[in-house]
């Protein structure tokens, strides 16, 4: 069972992502509404990948990634960004931040699980 942590401040998007990823019987999904909640879940649950919304209030996705990399217990978790800002220059910036990939919003719920599978393969 592959553990996926999905972090997004929008409840509707979290719900859609959780249902879409849940279509894959090999995935176990937990969601967080904030960076603080994500850090707590990741520390206890140790996901195989974290999907982080880029634009969140207080602590954004790139800042959350930096916080994870500073912690020995979370540093090795692969991270992908989920963002509406998927222009080539933005993608290059995300790649420089040690992300394994970027999933563009709005994502297709029917293909989200296969995109995540490709990132962790």
Protein backbone atom coordinates (compact mmCIF):
# COMPACT_ATOMS: atom_id res chain seq x y z
CA UNK A 1 0.00 0.00 0.00
CA UNK A 2 1.46 3.36 -1.06
CA UNK A 3 0.81 6.22 1.37
CA UNK A 4 0.05 9.61 -0.19
CA UNK A 5 -0.27 12.88 1.70
CA UNK A 6 -2.30 15.51 -0.17
CA UNK A 7 -1.99 19.08 1.15
CA UNK A 8 -4.34 21.84 -0.02
CA UNK A 9 -6.15 24.65 1.77
CA UNK A 10 -9.26 24.27 -0.44
CA UNK A 11 -11.68 21.69 1.08
CA UNK A 12 -13.36 20.92 -2.28
CA UNK A 13 -10.05 20.21 -4.01
CA UNK A 14 -8.87 18.03 -1.10
CA UNK A 15 -12.09 16.02 -1.31
CA UNK A 16 -11.81 15.53 -5.10
CA UNK A 17 -8.13 14.57 -4.82
CA UNK A 18 -8.82 12.11 -2.01
CA UNK A 19 -11.61 10.44 -4.01
CA UNK A 20 -9.55 10.43 -7.24
CA UNK A 21 -6.47 8.92 -5.57
CA UNK A 22 -8.70 6.49 -3.67
CA UNK A 23 -9.74 4.96 -7.01
CA UNK A 24 -6.34 3.25 -7.04
CA UNK A 25 -6.62 0.24 -4.70
CA UNK A 26 -2.88 0.45 -4.02
CA UNK A 27 -3.09 3.96 -2.53
CA UNK A 28 -3.86 5.02 1.01
CA UNK A 29 -4.54 8.76 1.18
CA UNK A 30 -4.53 11.28 3.98
CA UNK A 31 -5.19 14.97 3.52
CA UNK A 32 -4.06 18.11 5.31
CA UNK A 33 -5.48 21.63 5.10
CA UNK A 34 -2.28 23.43 6.12
CA UNK A 35 1.48 23.07 6.30
CA UNK A 36 1.33 22.66 10.08
CA UNK A 37 -1.19 19.83 9.79
CA UNK A 38 0.87 18.26 6.98
CA UNK A 39 4.04 18.21 9.09
CA UNK A 40 2.22 16.49 11.95
CA UNK A 41 0.66 13.85 9.68
CA UNK A 42 3.92 13.23 7.79
CA UNK A 43 5.91 12.79 11.02
CA UNK A 44 3.51 10.15 12.36
CA UNK A 45 2.40 8.44 9.15
CA UNK A 46 5.51 8.60 6.87
CA UNK A 47 3.93 8.90 3.40
CA UNK A 48 5.75 7.61 0.30
CA UNK A 49 4.96 10.90 -1.47
CA UNK A 50 3.52 14.28 -0.52
CA UNK A 51 1.50 16.35 -2.98
CA UNK A 52 1.66 20.01 -1.98
CA UNK A 53 -0.49 22.88 -3.17
CA UNK A 54 1.84 25.74 -4.11
CA UNK A 55 -0.35 28.65 -3.03
CA UNK A 56 -1.63 28.32 0.54
CA UNK A 57 -2.13 30.98 3.21
CA UNK A 58 0.51 31.40 5.93
CA UNK A 59 2.95 28.69 4.72
CA UNK A 60 3.00 27.92 0.99
CA UNK A 61 4.03 24.65 -0.68
CA UNK A 62 7.65 25.61 -1.44
CA UNK A 63 8.12 26.77 2.18
CA UNK A 64 6.59 23.53 3.43
CA UNK A 65 9.04 21.57 1.25
CA UNK A 66 11.95 23.51 2.78
CA UNK A 67 10.62 22.76 6.27
CA UNK A 68 10.40 19.05 5.41
CA UNK A 69 13.96 18.99 4.04
CA UNK A 70 15.25 20.52 7.29
CA UNK A 71 13.81 17.65 9.34
CA UNK A 72 15.71 14.38 9.39
CA UNK A 73 12.49 12.32 9.72
CA UNK A 74 10.85 14.01 6.68
CA UNK A 75 13.79 14.93 4.46
CA UNK A 76 13.61 11.83 2.24
CA UNK A 77 9.88 12.05 1.39
CA UNK A 78 9.46 12.80 -2.32
CA UNK A 79 7.34 15.89 -2.98
CA UNK A 80 5.34 16.95 -6.03
CA UNK A 81 3.66 20.32 -6.37
CA UNK A 82 0.04 20.76 -7.42
CA UNK A 83 -0.48 24.16 -8.96
CA UNK A 84 -2.47 26.28 -11.38
CA UNK A 85 0.83 28.07 -12.11
CA UNK A 86 2.29 25.54 -14.54
CA UNK A 87 4.09 27.87 -16.99
CA UNK A 88 7.54 26.68 -18.17
CA UNK A 89 9.41 29.24 -16.02
CA UNK A 90 7.43 28.17 -12.94
CA UNK A 91 8.11 24.49 -13.67
CA UNK A 92 11.83 25.19 -13.83
CA UNK A 93 11.65 26.92 -10.43
CA UNK A 94 9.81 23.95 -8.90
CA UNK A 95 12.39 21.52 -10.31
CA UNK A 96 15.15 23.55 -8.63
CA UNK A 97 13.29 23.16 -5.31
CA UNK A 98 13.89 19.38 -5.24
CA UNK A 99 10.37 18.40 -6.32
CA UNK A 100 9.87 15.12 -8.19
CA UNK A 101 7.22 16.68 -10.39
CA UNK A 102 4.36 19.09 -10.90
CA UNK A 103 0.69 18.30 -11.41
CA UNK A 104 -1.27 21.10 -13.06
CA UNK A 105 -4.56 22.34 -11.63
CA UNK A 106 -7.27 21.78 -12.47
CA UNK A 107 -6.28 18.13 -12.61
CA UNK A 108 -8.37 15.40 -14.21
CA UNK A 109 -9.68 13.22 -11.35
CA UNK A 110 -9.70 10.19 -13.66
CA UNK A 111 -5.95 10.45 -14.40
CA UNK A 112 -4.62 11.82 -11.09
CA UNK A 113 -3.77 8.38 -9.65
CA UNK A 114 -1.83 7.37 -12.78
CA UNK A 115 0.10 10.68 -12.72
CA UNK A 116 1.08 10.06 -9.11
CA UNK A 117 2.05 6.44 -9.94
CA UNK A 118 4.36 7.78 -12.67
CA UNK A 119 6.01 10.15 -10.16
CA UNK A 120 6.77 7.39 -7.67
CA UNK A 121 7.80 4.76 -10.22
